[in-house]
Protein backbone atom coordinates (compact mmCIF):
# COMPACT_ATOMS: atom_id res chain seq x y z
CA UNK A 1 0.00 0.00 0.00
CA UNK A 2 0.99 3.65 -0.44
CA UNK A 3 0.35 5.79 2.67
CA UNK A 4 -1.14 9.26 2.26
CA UNK A 5 -0.59 11.82 5.01
CA UNK A 6 -2.17 15.03 3.65
CA UNK A 7 -5.17 15.87 1.46
CA UNK A 8 -2.91 17.61 -1.05
CA UNK A 9 -1.37 14.20 -1.82
CA UNK A 10 -4.72 12.89 -3.08
CA UNK A 11 -5.28 12.37 -6.79
CA UNK A 12 -8.28 14.10 -8.32
CA UNK A 13 -9.83 10.82 -9.40
CA UNK A 14 -9.61 7.13 -8.54
CA UNK A 15 -11.10 4.04 -10.11
CA UNK A 16 -12.31 2.93 -6.67
CA UNK A 17 -12.58 4.67 -3.32
CA UNK A 18 -13.19 2.40 -0.31
CA UNK A 19 -14.52 4.02 2.87
CA UNK A 20 -13.57 2.16 6.06
CA UNK A 21 -10.58 -0.07 6.84
CA UNK A 22 -12.35 -2.89 8.67
CA UNK A 23 -12.40 -6.45 7.30
CA UNK A 24 -14.79 -5.61 4.45
CA UNK A 25 -12.92 -2.48 3.38
CA UNK A 26 -9.48 -4.08 3.49
CA UNK A 27 -10.65 -7.14 1.58
CA UNK A 28 -12.36 -5.05 -1.12
CA UNK A 29 -9.37 -2.72 -1.54
CA UNK A 30 -6.84 -5.58 -1.67
CA UNK A 31 -8.78 -7.51 -4.30
CA UNK A 32 -9.50 -4.47 -6.48
CA UNK A 33 -5.88 -3.25 -6.35
CA UNK A 34 -4.69 -6.71 -7.37
CA UNK A 35 -7.04 -6.44 -10.35
CA UNK A 36 -5.27 -3.32 -11.63
CA UNK A 37 -7.64 -0.63 -10.39
CA UNK A 38 -6.37 2.59 -8.84
CA UNK A 39 -7.70 2.26 -5.29
CA UNK A 40 -7.88 4.67 -2.37
CA UNK A 41 -8.92 3.42 1.08
CA UNK A 42 -9.93 6.18 3.51
CA UNK A 43 -10.37 5.55 7.23
CA UNK A 44 -10.82 7.67 10.36
CA UNK A 45 -8.62 5.44 12.53
CA UNK A 46 -4.82 5.76 12.65
CA UNK A 47 -4.31 2.14 11.53
CA UNK A 48 -6.31 -0.49 9.62
CA UNK A 49 -8.47 -3.05 11.38
CA UNK A 50 -11.83 -1.35 11.93
CA UNK A 51 -13.62 -1.97 15.22
CA UNK A 52 -13.31 -5.74 15.33
CA UNK A 53 -9.57 -5.81 14.55
CA UNK A 54 -8.77 -2.44 16.09
CA UNK A 55 -5.13 -2.13 17.11
CA UNK A 56 -4.23 -5.39 15.34
CA UNK A 57 -0.79 -4.09 14.36
CA UNK A 58 -0.04 -2.05 17.45
CA UNK A 59 -1.87 -3.53 20.44
CA UNK A 60 0.32 -3.79 23.56
CA UNK A 61 -1.38 -7.11 24.36
CA UNK A 62 1.06 -9.79 23.22
CA UNK A 63 -0.59 -12.79 24.90
CA UNK A 64 -2.70 -13.96 21.98
CA UNK A 65 -5.16 -15.94 24.10
CA UNK A 66 -6.31 -12.74 25.79
CA UNK A 67 -8.22 -11.34 22.81
CA UNK A 68 -9.00 -14.74 21.32
CA UNK A 69 -8.05 -16.50 18.10
CA UNK A 70 -10.75 -14.72 16.07
CA UNK A 71 -9.13 -11.35 16.75
CA UNK A 72 -5.77 -12.47 15.39
CA UNK A 73 -7.37 -13.58 12.13
CA UNK A 74 -7.20 -9.89 11.30
CA UNK A 75 -3.43 -10.17 10.81
CA UNK A 76 -3.86 -12.00 7.51
CA UNK A 77 -6.21 -9.31 6.21
CA UNK A 78 -4.05 -6.39 7.33
CA UNK A 79 -0.85 -7.98 5.99
CA UNK A 80 -2.49 -8.61 2.61
CA UNK A 81 -3.72 -5.03 2.48
CA UNK A 82 -0.28 -3.70 3.46
CA UNK A 83 1.23 -5.64 0.54
CA UNK A 84 -1.38 -4.38 -1.94
CA UNK A 85 -1.02 -1.55 -4.41
CA UNK A 86 -3.82 0.49 -2.84
CA UNK A 87 -3.36 4.03 -1.53
CA UNK A 88 -4.23 4.36 2.15
CA UNK A 89 -5.32 7.56 3.92
CA UNK A 90 -5.66 6.98 7.70
CA UNK A 91 -6.92 9.58 10.17
CA UNK A 92 -9.16 11.10 7.49
CA UNK A 93 -12.90 11.78 7.52
CA UNK A 94 -15.23 11.37 4.55
CA UNK A 95 -17.94 13.93 5.27
CA UNK A 96 -19.69 13.77 1.90
CA UNK A 97 -20.41 11.17 -0.73
CA UNK A 98 -22.63 12.71 -3.39
CA UNK A 99 -24.76 10.61 -5.77
CA UNK A 100 -22.36 11.63 -8.59
CA UNK A 101 -19.54 9.99 -6.55
CA UNK A 102 -17.84 13.22 -5.51
CA UNK A 103 -16.30 12.77 -2.06
CA UNK A 104 -15.37 15.38 0.54
CA UNK A 105 -12.39 14.28 2.63
CA UNK A 106 -10.87 16.15 5.58
CA UNK A 107 -7.67 15.61 7.55
CA UNK A 108 -5.37 17.81 9.60
CA UNK A 109 -7.64 20.84 9.32
CA UNK A 110 -7.75 20.73 5.51
CA UNK A 111 -10.27 19.30 3.09
CA UNK A 112 -10.38 18.23 -0.55
CA UNK A 113 -12.93 17.06 -3.08
CA UNK A 114 -12.16 14.03 -5.26
CA UNK A 115 -14.13 11.80 -7.62
CA UNK A 116 -14.40 8.05 -8.00
CA UNK A 117 -15.64 5.82 -10.77
CA UNK A 118 -16.83 3.34 -8.13
CA UNK A 119 -17.23 3.53 -4.35
CA UNK A 120 -17.33 0.69 -1.81
CA UNK A 121 -18.78 1.86 1.48
CA UNK A 122 -17.54 -0.31 4.35
CA UNK A 123 -18.57 1.83 7.31
CA UNK A 124 -19.39 -1.15 9.54
CA UNK A 125 -21.67 -1.27 12.56
CA UNK A 126 -22.55 0.75 15.64
CA UNK A 127 -23.61 -0.51 19.04
CA UNK A 128 -27.38 -0.33 19.35
CA UNK A 129 -28.50 2.48 21.68
CA UNK A 130 -29.31 1.24 25.20
CA UNK A 131 -31.38 4.09 26.73
CA UNK A 132 -31.80 3.29 30.41
CA UNK A 133 -32.24 5.81 33.19
CA UNK A 134 -28.82 7.09 34.21
CA UNK A 135 -26.99 5.96 31.06
CA UNK A 136 -25.30 9.36 30.75
CA UNK A 137 -23.72 9.18 34.22
CA UNK A 138 -19.90 9.14 34.31
CA UNK A 139 -18.92 5.51 34.82
CA UNK A 140 -21.51 4.20 32.34
CA UNK A 141 -20.17 3.34 28.90
CA UNK A 142 -20.75 0.90 26.09
CA UNK A 143 -19.04 -2.47 26.31
CA UNK A 144 -17.59 -1.78 22.87
CA UNK A 145 -15.83 1.33 24.17
CA UNK A 146 -14.36 -0.71 27.02
CA UNK A 147 -13.19 -3.27 24.46
CA UNK A 148 -11.45 -0.53 22.44
CA UNK A 149 -9.53 0.52 25.57
CA UNK A 150 -8.39 -3.06 26.02
CA UNK A 151 -7.34 -3.60 22.40
CA UNK A 152 -5.55 -0.30 21.83
CA UNK A 153 -4.02 0.42 25.24
CA UNK A 154 -4.20 -2.80 27.23
CA UNK A 155 -6.35 -0.93 29.78
CA UNK A 156 -9.42 -2.23 31.62
CA UNK A 157 -11.87 -0.15 33.62
CA UNK A 158 -11.17 -0.37 37.34
CA UNK A 159 -13.18 -0.76 40.53
CA UNK A 160 -16.45 -2.64 40.74
CA UNK A 161 -17.63 -3.48 37.23
CA UNK A 162 -21.06 -4.66 36.04
CA UNK A 163 -21.69 -5.81 32.46
CA UNK A 164 -25.29 -5.71 31.26
CA UNK A 165 -27.18 -6.54 28.09
CA UNK A 166 -27.36 -9.30 25.50
CA UNK A 167 -25.90 -10.55 22.23
CA UNK A 168 -22.89 -12.56 21.04
CA UNK A 169 -20.48 -9.65 21.49
CA UNK A 170 -21.49 -9.33 25.14
CA UNK A 171 -20.06 -12.81 25.78
CA UNK A 172 -16.94 -12.11 23.72
CA UNK A 173 -16.18 -8.90 25.60
CA UNK A 174 -16.84 -10.63 28.93
CA UNK A 175 -14.42 -13.44 28.00
CA UNK A 176 -11.72 -10.99 26.92
CA UNK A 177 -12.02 -9.01 30.15
CA UNK A 178 -11.91 -12.15 32.27
CA UNK A 179 -8.88 -13.42 30.35
CA UNK A 180 -7.13 -10.11 31.07
CA UNK A 181 -7.57 -10.73 34.79
CA UNK A 182 -10.50 -8.37 35.35
CA UNK A 183 -13.31 -9.45 37.69
CA UNK A 184 -16.99 -8.70 37.03
CA UNK A 185 -19.18 -8.09 40.07
CA UNK A 186 -22.08 -9.31 37.94
CA UNK A 187 -23.17 -9.90 34.36
CA UNK A 188 -26.81 -8.95 33.94
CA UNK A 189 -28.30 -10.83 30.98
CA UNK A 190 -31.30 -8.98 29.52
CA UNK A 191 -32.09 -11.57 26.82
CA UNK A 192 -35.89 -12.06 26.94
CA UNK A 193 -36.79 -15.64 27.87
CA UNK A 194 -39.54 -15.62 25.23
CA UNK A 195 -36.89 -15.27 22.53
CA UNK A 196 -35.95 -18.92 22.89
CA UNK A 197 -39.31 -20.09 21.55
CA UNK A 198 -38.97 -17.69 18.61
CA UNK A 199 -35.44 -18.92 17.82
CA UNK A 200 -35.92 -22.66 18.28
CA UNK A 201 -37.14 -23.21 14.72
CA UNK A 202 -33.77 -21.99 13.41
CA UNK A 203 -31.76 -24.22 15.74
CA UNK A 204 -31.02 -26.99 13.18
CA UNK A 205 -29.35 -24.51 10.82
CA UNK A 206 -27.46 -22.96 13.73
CA UNK A 207 -26.11 -26.39 14.72
CA UNK A 208 -24.47 -26.63 11.28
CA UNK A 209 -22.92 -23.17 11.44
CA UNK A 210 -19.41 -22.14 12.57
CA UNK A 211 -20.95 -20.11 15.40
CA UNK A 212 -22.05 -23.04 17.58
CA UNK A 213 -18.77 -24.36 18.96
CA UNK A 214 -17.38 -20.85 19.23
CA UNK A 215 -20.39 -19.55 21.14
CA UNK A 216 -20.64 -22.50 23.54
CA UNK A 217 -16.95 -22.20 24.38
CA UNK A 218 -17.26 -18.49 25.14
CA UNK A 219 -20.36 -18.83 27.28
CA UNK A 220 -18.93 -21.76 29.23
CA UNK A 221 -15.76 -19.80 29.97
CA UNK A 222 -17.72 -16.77 31.19
CA UNK A 223 -20.19 -18.74 33.32
CA UNK A 224 -17.36 -20.59 35.05
CA UNK A 225 -15.67 -17.38 36.12
CA UNK A 226 -18.40 -14.81 36.60
CA UNK A 227 -21.78 -14.42 38.29
CA UNK A 228 -24.32 -14.34 35.46
CA UNK A 229 -27.83 -13.18 36.36
CA UNK A 230 -30.33 -14.05 33.62
CA UNK A 231 -33.90 -12.88 33.13
CA UNK A 232 -33.23 -9.20 33.88
CA UNK A 233 -36.25 -7.13 32.77
CA UNK A 234 -35.34 -3.61 33.99
CA UNK A 235 -32.12 -1.66 34.52
CA UNK A 236 -31.20 1.69 36.06
CA UNK A 237 -27.85 3.37 36.70
CA UNK A 238 -27.82 5.44 39.89
CA UNK A 239 -25.44 7.87 41.52
CA UNK A 240 -24.74 11.52 42.28
CA UNK A 241 -22.25 12.91 39.77
CA UNK A 242 -20.88 9.38 39.09
CA UNK A 243 -22.22 5.86 38.93
CA UNK A 244 -22.57 4.34 42.40
CA UNK A 245 -24.91 1.38 41.90
CA UNK A 246 -26.98 -0.52 39.37
CA UNK A 247 -30.61 -1.33 40.08
CA UNK A 248 -32.13 -4.24 38.20
CA UNK A 249 -35.35 -6.24 38.20
CA UNK A 250 -35.51 -10.03 37.95
CA UNK A 251 -38.63 -12.11 38.49
CA UNK A 252 -40.53 -9.02 39.58
CA UNK A 253 -38.07 -8.29 42.41
CA UNK A 254 -35.78 -5.26 42.50
CA UNK A 255 -32.09 -5.69 43.41
CA UNK A 256 -29.11 -3.34 43.69
CA UNK A 257 -25.38 -3.84 43.09
CA UNK A 258 -22.67 -1.34 43.99
CA UNK A 259 -20.71 -0.39 40.87
CA UNK A 260 -18.05 2.03 39.69
CA UNK A 261 -18.53 1.13 36.03
CA UNK A 262 -21.48 -0.22 34.06
CA UNK A 263 -20.75 -1.58 30.58
CA UNK A 264 -23.85 -1.72 28.36
CA UNK A 265 -24.37 -3.72 25.19
CA UNK A 266 -27.39 -5.08 23.33
CA UNK A 267 -26.10 -5.89 19.89
CA UNK A 268 -24.89 -3.92 16.90
CA UNK A 269 -26.70 -2.33 13.96
CA UNK A 270 -25.56 -1.09 10.53
CA UNK A 271 -24.01 2.38 10.37
CA UNK A 272 -26.31 3.81 7.70
CA UNK A 273 -25.74 7.57 7.93
CA UNK A 274 -23.48 7.92 4.92
CA UNK A 275 -25.56 5.54 2.82
CA UNK A 276 -28.71 7.49 3.61
CA UNK A 277 -27.07 10.89 2.99
CA UNK A 278 -25.83 9.61 -0.37
CA UNK A 279 -29.37 8.85 -1.47
CA UNK A 280 -29.22 5.06 -1.11
CA UNK A 281 -32.61 3.47 -0.56
CA UNK A 282 -33.10 1.94 2.89
CA UNK A 283 -35.28 -0.93 4.05
CA UNK A 284 -36.35 -2.12 7.49
CA UNK A 285 -35.03 -5.44 8.80
CA UNK A 286 -37.80 -6.76 11.04
CA UNK A 287 -35.51 -9.52 12.36
CA UNK A 288 -32.56 -7.35 13.34
CA UNK A 289 -34.93 -4.46 14.21
CA UNK A 290 -32.97 -1.86 12.30
CA UNK A 291 -32.73 0.02 9.03
CA UNK A 292 -30.20 -1.07 6.43
CA UNK A 293 -29.41 -0.18 2.80
CA UNK A 294 -31.34 -2.06 0.14
CA UNK A 295 -28.74 -4.14 -1.73
CA UNK A 296 -28.57 -6.66 -4.55
CA UNK A 297 -26.49 -9.86 -4.47
CA UNK A 298 -23.30 -7.87 -5.20
CA UNK A 299 -23.90 -5.28 -2.49
CA UNK A 300 -24.91 -2.64 -5.05
CA UNK A 301 -27.21 0.10 -3.79
CA UNK A 302 -29.94 2.07 -5.56
CA UNK A 303 -27.31 4.72 -6.44
CA UNK A 304 -25.25 3.81 -9.49
CA UNK A 305 -21.61 3.19 -8.58
CA UNK A 306 -22.07 2.83 -4.81
CA UNK A 307 -21.65 -0.63 -3.32
CA UNK A 308 -21.85 -1.51 0.38
CA UNK A 309 -19.87 -4.31 1.99
CA UNK A 310 -19.74 -5.73 5.50
CA UNK A 311 -21.94 -5.01 8.48
CA UNK A 312 -22.93 -1.61 7.09
CA UNK A 313 -25.25 -3.56 4.79
CA UNK A 314 -26.63 -5.90 7.48
CA UNK A 315 -25.07 -7.57 10.50
CA UNK A 316 -23.29 -10.83 9.70
CA UNK A 317 -19.97 -10.76 11.61
CA UNK A 318 -16.31 -10.12 10.83
CA UNK A 319 -15.59 -13.26 8.79
CA UNK A 320 -18.65 -12.73 6.61
CA UNK A 321 -17.75 -9.02 6.28
CA UNK A 322 -14.42 -9.87 4.67
CA UNK A 323 -16.09 -12.21 2.17
CA UNK A 324 -18.69 -9.57 1.36
CA UNK A 325 -15.83 -7.13 0.82
CA UNK A 326 -14.36 -9.48 -1.78
CA UNK A 327 -17.74 -9.76 -3.50
CA UNK A 328 -17.92 -5.94 -3.63
CA UNK A 329 -14.37 -5.79 -4.98
CA UNK A 330 -15.27 -8.17 -7.80
CA UNK A 331 -18.37 -6.12 -8.59
CA UNK A 332 -16.25 -2.96 -8.78
CA UNK A 333 -13.69 -4.59 -11.11
CA UNK A 334 -16.48 -5.75 -13.42
CA UNK A 335 -18.08 -2.29 -13.41
CA UNK A 336 -14.67 -0.81 -14.27
CA UNK A 337 -14.33 -3.41 -17.10
CA UNK A 338 -11.18 -4.80 -15.53
CA UNK A 339 -12.78 -8.26 -15.57
CA UNK A 340 -15.69 -9.71 -17.49
CA UNK A 341 -19.05 -10.50 -15.89
CA UNK A 342 -18.25 -14.17 -16.47
CA UNK A 343 -14.96 -13.96 -14.56
CA UNK A 344 -16.68 -12.00 -11.80
CA UNK A 345 -19.29 -14.73 -11.40
CA UNK A 346 -16.71 -17.53 -11.53
CA UNK A 347 -14.50 -15.96 -8.85
CA UNK A 348 -17.50 -15.10 -6.67
CA UNK A 349 -18.87 -18.67 -6.56
CA UNK A 350 -16.47 -20.07 -3.89
CA UNK A 351 -16.81 -16.87 -1.85
CA UNK A 352 -20.59 -17.25 -1.81
CA UNK A 353 -20.17 -20.85 -0.61
CA UNK A 354 -18.21 -19.59 2.40
CA UNK A 355 -20.80 -16.89 3.06
CA UNK A 356 -23.55 -19.52 3.04
CA UNK A 357 -21.87 -21.26 5.98
CA UNK A 358 -22.02 -18.11 8.08
CA UNK A 359 -25.60 -17.36 7.01
CA UNK A 360 -26.79 -20.70 8.46
CA UNK A 361 -26.69 -19.53 12.05
CA UNK A 362 -27.56 -15.89 11.63
CA UNK A 363 -31.36 -16.18 11.85
CA UNK A 364 -31.09 -18.12 15.13
CA UNK A 365 -28.84 -15.46 16.67
CA UNK A 366 -31.01 -12.60 15.41
CA UNK A 367 -34.15 -14.07 16.95
CA UNK A 368 -32.50 -15.14 20.19
CA UNK A 369 -30.87 -11.80 20.87
CA UNK A 370 -33.61 -9.42 19.79
CA UNK A 371 -33.52 -6.80 22.58
CA UNK A 372 -36.68 -6.31 24.62
CA UNK A 373 -38.82 -3.30 23.76
CA UNK A 374 -38.33 -1.68 27.17
CA UNK A 375 -34.61 -1.44 26.39
CA UNK A 376 -35.19 0.00 22.90
CA UNK A 377 -37.40 2.93 23.92
CA UNK A 378 -36.60 5.81 26.26
CA UNK A 379 -38.55 6.20 29.51
CA UNK A 380 -40.22 9.50 30.28
CA UNK A 381 -37.29 10.70 32.40
CA UNK A 382 -34.58 9.05 30.30
CA UNK A 383 -32.58 10.87 27.63
CA UNK A 384 -33.32 9.59 24.15
CA UNK A 385 -31.21 12.15 22.26
CA UNK A 386 -28.04 12.79 24.21
CA UNK A 387 -26.73 15.58 21.96
CA UNK A 388 -29.84 17.74 22.36
CA UNK A 389 -30.82 16.38 25.81
CA UNK A 390 -34.31 15.31 24.79
CA UNK A 391 -36.14 12.81 27.00
CA UNK A 392 -38.57 10.07 26.10
CA UNK A 393 -41.27 12.04 27.92
CA UNK A 394 -40.70 15.08 25.71
CA UNK A 395 -41.00 12.89 22.62
CA UNK A 396 -44.25 11.33 23.84
CA UNK A 397 -45.66 14.74 24.72
CA UNK A 398 -44.81 16.04 21.23
CA UNK A 399 -46.51 13.03 19.64
CA UNK A 400 -49.61 13.63 21.75
CA UNK A 401 -49.91 17.42 21.54
CA UNK A 402 -48.39 18.12 18.12
CA UNK A 403 -49.44 14.90 16.36
CA UNK A 404 -45.84 14.10 15.44
CA UNK A 405 -45.76 11.24 12.95
CA UNK A 406 -42.02 10.60 12.55
CA UNK A 407 -38.47 11.60 13.46
CA UNK A 408 -38.06 14.14 10.67
CA UNK A 409 -41.09 16.10 11.85
CA UNK A 410 -39.81 15.85 15.42
CA UNK A 411 -36.55 17.57 14.40
CA UNK A 412 -38.42 20.83 13.84
CA UNK A 413 -39.69 20.91 17.42
CA UNK A 414 -37.10 19.15 19.58
CA UNK A 415 -33.92 19.08 17.39
CA UNK A 416 -33.47 15.32 17.87
CA UNK A 417 -30.80 14.05 15.49
CA UNK A 418 -29.36 17.52 14.80
CA UNK A 419 -26.35 17.26 17.14
CA UNK A 420 -22.77 16.20 16.41
CA UNK A 421 -23.68 12.48 16.14
CA UNK A 422 -26.26 13.25 13.42
CA UNK A 423 -28.63 10.65 14.82
CA UNK A 424 -26.16 7.77 15.14
CA UNK A 425 -26.78 7.51 18.90
CA UNK A 426 -30.51 8.26 18.93
CA UNK A 427 -32.04 7.37 15.57
CA UNK A 428 -33.39 3.96 16.48
CA UNK A 429 -34.43 5.06 19.98
CA UNK A 430 -36.36 8.07 18.67
CA UNK A 431 -38.14 6.02 15.99
CA UNK A 432 -39.03 3.26 18.47
CA UNK A 433 -40.26 5.76 21.08
CA UNK A 434 -42.46 7.56 18.54
CA UNK A 435 -43.78 4.20 17.31
CA UNK A 436 -44.66 3.11 20.85
CA UNK A 437 -46.45 6.41 21.51
CA UNK A 438 -48.44 6.11 18.29
CA UNK A 439 -49.17 2.41 18.68
CA UNK A 440 -47.49 1.49 15.41
CA UNK A 441 -44.20 -0.01 14.17
CA UNK A 442 -40.78 1.59 13.83
CA UNK A 443 -40.91 0.70 10.15
CA UNK A 444 -44.10 2.73 9.72
CA UNK A 445 -42.61 5.68 11.62
CA UNK A 446 -39.47 5.75 9.48
CA UNK A 447 -35.97 7.08 10.06
CA UNK A 448 -34.17 10.41 9.83
CA UNK A 449 -33.60 11.95 6.40
CA UNK A 450 -29.88 12.60 6.41
CA UNK A 451 -27.80 15.05 4.41
CA UNK A 452 -24.11 15.89 4.05
CA UNK A 453 -21.99 16.63 5.96
CA UNK A 454 -22.40 13.28 7.69
CA UNK A 455 -19.57 14.14 10.09
CA UNK A 456 -18.83 17.55 11.66
CA UNK A 457 -16.64 19.83 9.52
CA UNK A 458 -15.52 23.35 10.40
CA UNK A 459 -15.81 26.46 8.26
CA UNK A 460 -12.03 26.72 8.45
CA UNK A 461 -11.74 23.29 6.81
CA UNK A 462 -14.20 24.26 4.08
CA UNK A 463 -12.19 27.44 3.45
CA UNK A 464 -9.16 25.33 2.48
CA UNK A 465 -10.95 23.89 -0.56
CA UNK A 466 -9.21 24.63 -3.84
CA UNK A 467 -11.54 26.52 -6.15
CA UNK A 468 -11.26 26.99 -9.87
CA UNK A 469 -11.08 30.46 -11.43
CA UNK A 470 -14.64 30.00 -12.69
CA UNK A 471 -15.92 29.16 -9.18
CA UNK A 472 -14.14 32.18 -7.70
CA UNK A 473 -15.66 34.53 -10.31
CA UNK A 474 -19.11 33.02 -9.76
CA UNK A 475 -18.92 33.76 -6.02
CA UNK A 476 -17.53 37.24 -6.66
CA UNK A 477 -20.38 38.08 -9.08
CA UNK A 478 -22.88 36.82 -6.50
């Protein structure tokens, strides 16, 4: 790969621009560069790996068993990308991807506009919002954030620690923390018991998937070494100025645990902001309870030239993300006429066979770990939109008194989704809370309409844009 350090080193055009250096982005960029395309991979992080393989080349944790064998699979991907002919721009933010494939990229206080013939968006996933009372208290954080501290710095949160939520990643993070020597005062499992009956029909396919042995091993390790409390139906973080205790309900009885840190997690969802702002059509996934881009079998969106790979197009896991990245890379090479459609199909066939193995267990996991509704909506005195400090009660009152029908209308009155996160931390919560208040579904309520810039950009950065003589005269005449 060829590192890029400043925006003025960017070419004006590339055959393919890949956004995001996780498994999908690295795999797509590596394959396309090997096929002769001029490739640029842009990523906000200082090194490749994405969230799942974060710190893979620089983590201070040298004992491989600590993070688990799946984490170290990222070495093969990062090494292959490093040996590729792609250009790589770390520490850079893509704040615009227009439907005509013009991209706005900022780094180091400067910004530039470039064009691509094809774009692969590999923006990955976000942790699903977990809006409980007290979730903004210092000492409360997402389990994913705690995992990042461990991977990048070898640091674990200290004091009395409680982990709460559900989903496969909850067990992975718990196992990694326990392997590092950290003790949990409790793990509060919020997986609804009723989910088992919904998932049981998919069990035969799950038994034939690669997830089974891996999942059983993780859960057995955690249960041997930590106190796991299942059947939790309510959660609250309490404290004055800092978390002091966690209150939870199990079997109708309320309990309290002293805690210095509460790590929350209830699954991940596609990061759709850039796709939506680029005009890509979205659809609602009633199984994963989230919005995702509408894609064809190659990951192509409704916008010509934009393909989405990895968990940004639907949650499937790191191994599947890499394979989907390769599928997207083949699609880009065919669109660029670097390979024929026949060669594309031939090379994609064995990749699709691997993907089918991972797809076998996905429906079981999605049904089993669907978060309960009370953890998807904001209570009356709980913040739903953290940026604008809007509570669930304010949303319900707006629905009742102003006949609010969806999140875009709500923006005009309460500014939800207009803060720095641009709805990433509140979008699903706001839609679910409106839906509950109206007695309808989140799908019927809809999601935010998003526009560029999808990430904050300063006026000073915009002022560094190079303008043509014609553009300067146009502004001057205006």
